[in-house]
């Protein structure tokens, strides 16, 4: 099983980045798995974990988009 904290620690990130990015990565994973209806691969999770270490505003924008896609896949939003 993929562990974002361990992965980011092994890549040399600071404790603050590891904590924030791993939380954001877990949101990425959950929302994208809901939206796609499948489990993400380890490669996909690694790339999303790295993306989560980027600029916090950018990470927030992506998480909002992924959450919207997940909600749409569950029928909570009408199609545009």
PDB file of N, CA and C in Angstrom:
ATOM      1  N   UNK A   1       0.841  -1.184   0.000  1.00  0.00           N
ATOM      2  CA  UNK A   1       0.000   0.000   0.000  1.00  0.00           C
ATOM      3  C   UNK A   1       0.887   1.249   0.000  1.00  0.00           C
ATOM      4  N   UNK A   2       0.512   2.223  -0.783  1.00  0.00           N
ATOM      5  CA  UNK A   2       1.297   3.449  -0.914  1.00  0.00           C
ATOM      6  C   UNK A   2       1.096   4.342   0.307  1.00  0.00           C
ATOM      7  N   UNK A   3       2.200   4.833   0.865  1.00  0.00           N
ATOM      8  CA  UNK A   3       2.155   5.732   2.005  1.00  0.00           C
ATOM      9  C   UNK A   3       2.798   7.057   1.600  1.00  0.00           C
ATOM     10  N   UNK A   4       1.986   8.086   1.434  1.00  0.00           N
ATOM     11  CA  UNK A   4       2.471   9.382   0.961  1.00  0.00           C
ATOM     12  C   UNK A   4       3.510   9.975   1.906  1.00  0.00           C
ATOM     13  N   UNK A   5       3.302   9.865   3.210  1.00  0.00           N
ATOM     14  CA  UNK A   5       4.263  10.423   4.173  1.00  0.00           C
ATOM     15  C   UNK A   5       5.645   9.804   4.006  1.00  0.00           C
ATOM     16  N   UNK A   6       5.689   8.491   3.951  1.00  0.00           N
ATOM     17  CA  UNK A   6       6.975   7.804   3.796  1.00  0.00           C
ATOM     18  C   UNK A   6       7.629   8.171   2.469  1.00  0.00           C
ATOM     19  N   UNK A   7       6.833   8.218   1.419  1.00  0.00           N
ATOM     20  CA  UNK A   7       7.364   8.555   0.092  1.00  0.00           C
ATOM     21  C   UNK A   7       7.976   9.950   0.094  1.00  0.00           C
ATOM     22  N   UNK A   8       7.264  10.914   0.662  1.00  0.00           N
ATOM     23  CA  UNK A   8       7.766  12.287   0.682  1.00  0.00           C
ATOM     24  C   UNK A   8       8.986  12.415   1.603  1.00  0.00           C
ATOM     25  N   UNK A   9       8.973  11.685   2.711  1.00  0.00           N
ATOM     26  CA  UNK A   9      10.135  11.695   3.616  1.00  0.00           C
ATOM     27  C   UNK A   9      11.363  11.139   2.909  1.00  0.00           C
ATOM     28  N   UNK A  10      11.181  10.038   2.184  1.00  0.00           N
ATOM     29  CA  UNK A  10      12.289   9.426   1.452  1.00  0.00           C
ATOM     30  C   UNK A  10      12.840  10.355   0.366  1.00  0.00           C
ATOM     31  N   UNK A  11      12.023  11.264  -0.117  1.00  0.00           N
ATOM     32  CA  UNK A  11      12.458  12.211  -1.147  1.00  0.00           C
ATOM     33  C   UNK A  11      13.090  13.463  -0.541  1.00  0.00           C
ATOM     34  N   UNK A  12      13.190  13.527   0.797  1.00  0.00           N
ATOM     35  CA  UNK A  12      13.926  14.598   1.460  1.00  0.00           C
ATOM     36  C   UNK A  12      13.140  15.862   1.768  1.00  0.00           C
ATOM     37  N   UNK A  13      11.821  15.780   1.768  1.00  0.00           N
ATOM     38  CA  UNK A  13      11.020  16.962   2.090  1.00  0.00           C
ATOM     39  C   UNK A  13      11.047  17.253   3.588  1.00  0.00           C
ATOM     40  N   UNK A  14      10.808  18.498   3.937  1.00  0.00           N
ATOM     41  CA  UNK A  14      10.794  18.910   5.340  1.00  0.00           C
ATOM     42  C   UNK A  14       9.543  18.370   6.034  1.00  0.00           C
ATOM     43  N   UNK A  15       9.585  18.269   7.371  1.00  0.00           N
ATOM     44  CA  UNK A  15       8.414  17.762   8.099  1.00  0.00           C
ATOM     45  C   UNK A  15       7.129  18.551   7.810  1.00  0.00           C
ATOM     46  N   UNK A  16       7.219  19.880   7.714  1.00  0.00           N
ATOM     47  CA  UNK A  16       6.020  20.677   7.429  1.00  0.00           C
ATOM     48  C   UNK A  16       5.445  20.329   6.064  1.00  0.00           C
ATOM     49  N   UNK A  17       6.297  20.233   5.069  1.00  0.00           N
ATOM     50  CA  UNK A  17       5.838  19.878   3.719  1.00  0.00           C
ATOM     51  C   UNK A  17       5.256  18.475   3.719  1.00  0.00           C
ATOM     52  N   UNK A  18       5.900  17.554   4.417  1.00  0.00           N
ATOM     53  CA  UNK A  18       5.407  16.177   4.472  1.00  0.00           C
ATOM     54  C   UNK A  18       4.004  16.128   5.057  1.00  0.00           C
ATOM     55  N   UNK A  19       3.781  16.834   6.158  1.00  0.00           N
ATOM     56  CA  UNK A  19       2.456  16.816   6.798  1.00  0.00           C
ATOM     57  C   UNK A  19       1.381  17.404   5.883  1.00  0.00           C
ATOM     58  N   UNK A  20       1.652  18.594   5.358  1.00  0.00           N
ATOM     59  CA  UNK A  20       0.652  19.246   4.501  1.00  0.00           C
ATOM     60  C   UNK A  20       0.429  18.499   3.201  1.00  0.00           C
ATOM     61  N   UNK A  21       1.509  18.129   2.561  1.00  0.00           N
ATOM     62  CA  UNK A  21       1.401  17.487   1.253  1.00  0.00           C
ATOM     63  C   UNK A  21       0.762  16.102   1.359  1.00  0.00           C
ATOM     64  N   UNK A  22       1.067  15.365   2.419  1.00  0.00           N
ATOM     65  CA  UNK A  22       0.458  14.032   2.547  1.00  0.00           C
ATOM     66  C   UNK A  22      -1.051  14.137   2.766  1.00  0.00           C
ATOM     67  N   UNK A  23      -1.494  15.144   3.531  1.00  0.00           N
ATOM     68  CA  UNK A  23      -2.946  15.355   3.691  1.00  0.00           C
ATOM     69  C   UNK A  23      -3.591  15.709   2.358  1.00  0.00           C
ATOM     70  N   UNK A  24      -2.940  16.596   1.613  1.00  0.00           N
ATOM     71  CA  UNK A  24      -3.485  16.994   0.314  1.00  0.00           C
ATOM     72  C   UNK A  24      -3.471  15.821  -0.662  1.00  0.00           C
ATOM     73  N   UNK A  25      -2.418  15.033  -0.628  1.00  0.00           N
ATOM     74  CA  UNK A  25      -2.333  13.877  -1.518  1.00  0.00           C
ATOM     75  C   UNK A  25      -3.463  12.890  -1.234  1.00  0.00           C
ATOM     76  N   UNK A  26      -3.755  12.664   0.043  1.00  0.00           N
ATOM     77  CA  UNK A  26      -4.843  11.754   0.391  1.00  0.00           C
ATOM     78  C   UNK A  26      -6.188  12.264  -0.149  1.00  0.00           C
ATOM     79  N   UNK A  27      -6.382  13.582  -0.128  1.00  0.00           N
ATOM     80  CA  UNK A  27      -7.594  14.149  -0.732  1.00  0.00           C
ATOM     81  C   UNK A  27      -7.596  13.929  -2.246  1.00  0.00           C
ATOM     82  N   UNK A  28      -6.442  14.148  -2.878  1.00  0.00           N
ATOM     83  CA  UNK A  28      -6.324  13.866  -4.315  1.00  0.00           C
ATOM     84  C   UNK A  28      -6.756  12.431  -4.590  1.00  0.00           C
ATOM     85  N   UNK A  29      -6.183  11.496  -3.827  1.00  0.00           N
ATOM     86  CA  UNK A  29      -6.463  10.079  -4.055  1.00  0.00           C
ATOM     87  C   UNK A  29      -7.950   9.777  -3.915  1.00  0.00           C
ATOM     88  N   UNK A  30      -8.532  10.209  -2.805  1.00  0.00           N
ATOM     89  CA  UNK A  30      -9.938   9.899  -2.534  1.00  0.00           C
ATOM     90  C   UNK A  30     -10.857  10.483  -3.607  1.00  0.00           C
ATOM     91  N   UNK A  31     -10.641  11.739  -3.948  1.00  0.00           N
ATOM     92  CA  UNK A  31     -11.521  12.386  -4.929  1.00  0.00           C
ATOM     93  C   UNK A  31     -11.352  11.800  -6.321  1.00  0.00           C
ATOM     94  N   UNK A  32     -10.141  11.501  -6.721  1.00  0.00           N
ATOM     95  CA  UNK A  32      -9.940  10.926  -8.051  1.00  0.00           C
ATOM     96  C   UNK A  32     -10.428   9.487  -8.132  1.00  0.00           C
ATOM     97  N   UNK A  33     -10.292   8.737  -7.055  1.00  0.00           N
ATOM     98  CA  UNK A  33     -10.823   7.376  -7.074  1.00  0.00           C
ATOM     99  C   UNK A  33     -12.339   7.377  -7.161  1.00  0.00           C
ATOM    100  N   UNK A  34     -12.991   8.325  -6.485  1.00  0.00           N
ATOM    101  CA  UNK A  34     -14.443   8.456  -6.609  1.00  0.00           C
ATOM    102  C   UNK A  34     -14.828   8.850  -8.026  1.00  0.00           C
ATOM    103  N   UNK A  35     -14.110   9.831  -8.584  1.00  0.00           N
ATOM    104  CA  UNK A  35     -14.451  10.349  -9.909  1.00  0.00           C
ATOM    105  C   UNK A  35     -14.216   9.316 -11.011  1.00  0.00           C
ATOM    106  N   UNK A  36     -13.149   8.525 -10.882  1.00  0.00           N
ATOM    107  CA  UNK A  36     -12.831   7.555 -11.931  1.00  0.00           C
ATOM    108  C   UNK A  36     -13.482   6.196 -11.701  1.00  0.00           C
ATOM    109  N   UNK A  37     -13.906   5.943 -10.465  1.00  0.00           N
ATOM    110  CA  UNK A  37     -14.517   4.662 -10.153  1.00  0.00           C
ATOM    111  C   UNK A  37     -13.520   3.515 -10.090  1.00  0.00           C
ATOM    112  N   UNK A  38     -12.262   3.834  -9.835  1.00  0.00           N
ATOM    113  CA  UNK A  38     -11.231   2.791  -9.750  1.00  0.00           C
ATOM    114  C   UNK A  38     -10.153   3.217  -8.769  1.00  0.00           C
ATOM    115  N   UNK A  39      -9.373   2.243  -8.344  1.00  0.00           N
ATOM    116  CA  UNK A  39      -8.225   2.535  -7.484  1.00  0.00           C
ATOM    117  C   UNK A  39      -7.107   3.125  -8.335  1.00  0.00           C
ATOM    118  N   UNK A  40      -6.415   4.092  -7.784  1.00  0.00           N
ATOM    119  CA  UNK A  40      -5.268   4.675  -8.485  1.00  0.00           C
ATOM    120  C   UNK A  40      -4.079   3.723  -8.403  1.00  0.00           C
ATOM    121  N   UNK A  41      -3.240   3.763  -9.417  1.00  0.00           N
ATOM    122  CA  UNK A  41      -2.031   2.957  -9.402  1.00  0.00           C
ATOM    123  C   UNK A  41      -1.002   3.610  -8.487  1.00  0.00           C
ATOM    124  N   UNK A  42       0.029   2.853  -8.125  1.00  0.00           N
ATOM    125  CA  UNK A  42       1.084   3.426  -7.291  1.00  0.00           C
ATOM    126  C   UNK A  42       1.776   4.578  -8.025  1.00  0.00           C
ATOM    127  N   UNK A  43       1.998   4.436  -9.321  1.00  0.00           N
ATOM    128  CA  UNK A  43       2.619   5.513 -10.095  1.00  0.00           C
ATOM    129  C   UNK A  43       1.772   6.784 -10.037  1.00  0.00           C
ATOM    130  N   UNK A  44       0.464   6.640 -10.200  1.00  0.00           N
ATOM    131  CA  UNK A  44      -0.427   7.806 -10.125  1.00  0.00           C
ATOM    132  C   UNK A  44      -0.362   8.453  -8.747  1.00  0.00           C
ATOM    133  N   UNK A  45      -0.342   7.647  -7.719  1.00  0.00           N
ATOM    134  CA  UNK A  45      -0.271   8.181  -6.363  1.00  0.00           C
ATOM    135  C   UNK A  45       1.057   8.885  -6.107  1.00  0.00           C
ATOM    136  N   UNK A  46       2.161   8.332  -6.610  1.00  0.00           N
ATOM    137  CA  UNK A  46       3.460   8.988  -6.437  1.00  0.00           C
ATOM    138  C   UNK A  46       3.461  10.356  -7.103  1.00  0.00           C
ATOM    139  N   UNK A  47       2.931  10.440  -8.309  1.00  0.00           N
ATOM    140  CA  UNK A  47       2.917  11.714  -9.034  1.00  0.00           C
ATOM    141  C   UNK A  47       2.004  12.726  -8.354  1.00  0.00           C
ATOM    142  N   UNK A  48       0.878  12.278  -7.839  1.00  0.00           N
ATOM    143  CA  UNK A  48      -0.028  13.178  -7.114  1.00  0.00           C
ATOM    144  C   UNK A  48       0.591  13.648  -5.809  1.00  0.00           C
ATOM    145  N   UNK A  49       1.338  12.768  -5.138  1.00  0.00           N
ATOM    146  CA  UNK A  49       2.027  13.173  -3.903  1.00  0.00           C
ATOM    147  C   UNK A  49       3.051  14.259  -4.206  1.00  0.00           C
ATOM    148  N   UNK A  50       3.780  14.111  -5.294  1.00  0.00           N
ATOM    149  CA  UNK A  50       4.748  15.149  -5.675  1.00  0.00           C
ATOM    150  C   UNK A  50       4.035  16.448  -6.038  1.00  0.00           C
ATOM    151  N   UNK A  51       2.926  16.341  -6.748  1.00  0.00           N
ATOM    152  CA  UNK A  51       2.153  17.536  -7.086  1.00  0.00           C
ATOM    153  C   UNK A  51       1.695  18.254  -5.820  1.00  0.00           C
ATOM    154  N   UNK A  52       1.359  17.494  -4.788  1.00  0.00           N
ATOM    155  CA  UNK A  52       0.866  18.078  -3.541  1.00  0.00           C
ATOM    156  C   UNK A  52       1.933  18.881  -2.800  1.00  0.00           C
ATOM    157  N   UNK A  53       3.195  18.741  -3.171  1.00  0.00           N
ATOM    158  CA  UNK A  53       4.262  19.516  -2.526  1.00  0.00           C
ATOM    159  C   UNK A  53       4.434  20.881  -3.178  1.00  0.00           C
ATOM    160  N   UNK A  54       3.715  21.145  -4.252  1.00  0.00           N
ATOM    161  CA  UNK A  54       3.858  22.399  -4.984  1.00  0.00           C
ATOM    162  C   UNK A  54       3.172  23.541  -4.231  1.00  0.00           C
ATOM    163  N   UNK A  55       3.116  24.668  -4.851  1.00  0.00           N
ATOM    164  CA  UNK A  55       2.472  25.865  -4.316  1.00  0.00           C
ATOM    165  C   UNK A  55       1.102  25.520  -3.717  1.00  0.00           C
ATOM    166  N   UNK A  56       0.863  25.929  -2.467  1.00  0.00           N
ATOM    167  CA  UNK A  56      -0.362  25.532  -1.751  1.00  0.00           C
ATOM    168  C   UNK A  56      -1.621  26.011  -2.444  1.00  0.00           C
ATOM    169  N   UNK A  57      -1.578  27.180  -3.066  1.00  0.00           N
ATOM    170  CA  UNK A  57      -2.756  27.672  -3.784  1.00  0.00           C
ATOM    171  C   UNK A  57      -3.062  26.768  -4.972  1.00  0.00           C
ATOM    172  N   UNK A  58      -2.039  26.357  -5.684  1.00  0.00           N
ATOM    173  CA  UNK A  58      -2.217  25.451  -6.822  1.00  0.00           C
ATOM    174  C   UNK A  58      -2.801  24.121  -6.366  1.00  0.00           C
ATOM    175  N   UNK A  59      -2.279  23.605  -5.276  1.00  0.00           N
ATOM    176  CA  UNK A  59      -2.780  22.342  -4.725  1.00  0.00           C
ATOM    177  C   UNK A  59      -4.259  22.476  -4.365  1.00  0.00           C
ATOM    178  N   UNK A  60      -4.631  23.590  -3.760  1.00  0.00           N
ATOM    179  CA  UNK A  60      -6.034  23.817  -3.417  1.00  0.00           C
ATOM    180  C   UNK A  60      -6.935  23.861  -4.639  1.00  0.00           C
ATOM    181  N   UNK A  61      -6.471  24.489  -5.696  1.00  0.00           N
ATOM    182  CA  UNK A  61      -7.255  24.558  -6.944  1.00  0.00           C
ATOM    183  C   UNK A  61      -7.471  23.152  -7.499  1.00  0.00           C
ATOM    184  N   UNK A  62      -6.409  22.348  -7.543  1.00  0.00           N
ATOM    185  CA  UNK A  62      -6.554  20.983  -8.052  1.00  0.00           C
ATOM    186  C   UNK A  62      -7.480  20.156  -7.171  1.00  0.00           C
ATOM    187  N   UNK A  63      -7.342  20.287  -5.851  1.00  0.00           N
ATOM    188  CA  UNK A  63      -8.216  19.506  -4.976  1.00  0.00           C
ATOM    189  C   UNK A  63      -9.675  19.912  -5.141  1.00  0.00           C
ATOM    190  N   UNK A  64      -9.935  21.188  -5.316  1.00  0.00           N
ATOM    191  CA  UNK A  64     -11.316  21.626  -5.558  1.00  0.00           C
ATOM    192  C   UNK A  64     -11.859  21.043  -6.858  1.00  0.00           C
ATOM    193  N   UNK A  65     -11.044  21.041  -7.899  1.00  0.00           N
ATOM    194  CA  UNK A  65     -11.477  20.464  -9.171  1.00  0.00           C
ATOM    195  C   UNK A  65     -11.736  18.968  -9.048  1.00  0.00           C
ATOM    196  N   UNK A  66     -10.834  18.257  -8.370  1.00  0.00           N
ATOM    197  CA  UNK A  66     -11.008  16.818  -8.192  1.00  0.00           C
ATOM    198  C   UNK A  66     -12.252  16.519  -7.346  1.00  0.00           C
ATOM    199  N   UNK A  67     -12.499  17.330  -6.327  1.00  0.00           N
ATOM    200  CA  UNK A  67     -13.693  17.142  -5.490  1.00  0.00           C
ATOM    201  C   UNK A  67     -14.958  17.370  -6.310  1.00  0.00           C
ATOM    202  N   UNK A  68     -14.935  18.376  -7.170  1.00  0.00           N
ATOM    203  CA  UNK A  68     -16.100  18.634  -8.029  1.00  0.00           C
ATOM    204  C   UNK A  68     -16.339  17.467  -8.980  1.00  0.00           C
ATOM    205  N   UNK A  69     -15.278  16.940  -9.560  1.00  0.00           N
ATOM    206  CA  UNK A  69     -15.428  15.778 -10.441  1.00  0.00           C
ATOM    207  C   UNK A  69     -15.994  14.581  -9.685  1.00  0.00           C
ATOM    208  N   UNK A  70     -15.505  14.368  -8.476  1.00  0.00           N
ATOM    209  CA  UNK A  70     -16.003  13.252  -7.669  1.00  0.00           C
ATOM    210  C   UNK A  70     -17.483  13.431  -7.354  1.00  0.00           C
ATOM    211  N   UNK A  71     -17.873  14.645  -7.002  1.00  0.00           N
ATOM    212  CA  UNK A  71     -19.272  14.913  -6.681  1.00  0.00           C
ATOM    213  C   UNK A  71     -20.156  14.732  -7.917  1.00  0.00           C
ATOM    214  N   UNK A  72     -19.669  15.166  -9.061  1.00  0.00           N
ATOM    215  CA  UNK A  72     -20.432  14.991 -10.301  1.00  0.00           C
ATOM    216  C   UNK A  72     -20.605  13.520 -10.625  1.00  0.00           C
ATOM    217  N   UNK A  73     -19.575  12.731 -10.371  1.00  0.00           N
ATOM    218  CA  UNK A  73     -19.677  11.301 -10.677  1.00  0.00           C
ATOM    219  C   UNK A  73     -20.694  10.625  -9.762  1.00  0.00           C
ATOM    220  N   UNK A  74     -20.956  11.222  -8.607  1.00  0.00           N
ATOM    221  CA  UNK A  74     -21.957  10.693  -7.676  1.00  0.00           C
ATOM    222  C   UNK A  74     -23.331  11.307  -7.918  1.00  0.00           C
ATOM    223  N   UNK A  75     -23.423  12.176  -8.944  1.00  0.00           N
ATOM    224  CA  UNK A  75     -24.703  12.769  -9.298  1.00  0.00           C
ATOM    225  C   UNK A  75     -25.114  13.958  -8.444  1.00  0.00           C
ATOM    226  N   UNK A  76     -24.158  14.548  -7.696  1.00  0.00           N
ATOM    227  CA  UNK A  76     -24.500  15.666  -6.826  1.00  0.00           C
ATOM    228  C   UNK A  76     -24.544  16.999  -7.556  1.00  0.00           C
ATOM    229  N   UNK A  77     -23.960  17.063  -8.762  1.00  0.00           N
ATOM    230  CA  UNK A  77     -23.974  18.281  -9.545  1.00  0.00           C
ATOM    231  C   UNK A  77     -24.593  17.978 -10.901  1.00  0.00           C
ATOM    232  N   UNK A  78     -25.378  18.895 -11.393  1.00  0.00           N
ATOM    233  CA  UNK A  78     -25.938  18.736 -12.742  1.00  0.00           C
ATOM    234  C   UNK A  78     -24.843  18.994 -13.757  1.00  0.00           C
ATOM    235  N   UNK A  79     -24.911  18.328 -14.880  1.00  0.00           N
ATOM    236  CA  UNK A  79     -23.941  18.557 -15.939  1.00  0.00           C
ATOM    237  C   UNK A  79     -24.133  19.931 -16.519  1.00  0.00           C
ATOM    238  N   UNK A  80     -23.024  20.530 -16.935  1.00  0.00           N
ATOM    239  CA  UNK A  80     -23.090  21.863 -17.560  1.00  0.00           C
ATOM    240  C   UNK A  80     -23.488  21.743 -18.999  1.00  0.00           C
TER     241      UNK A  80
END
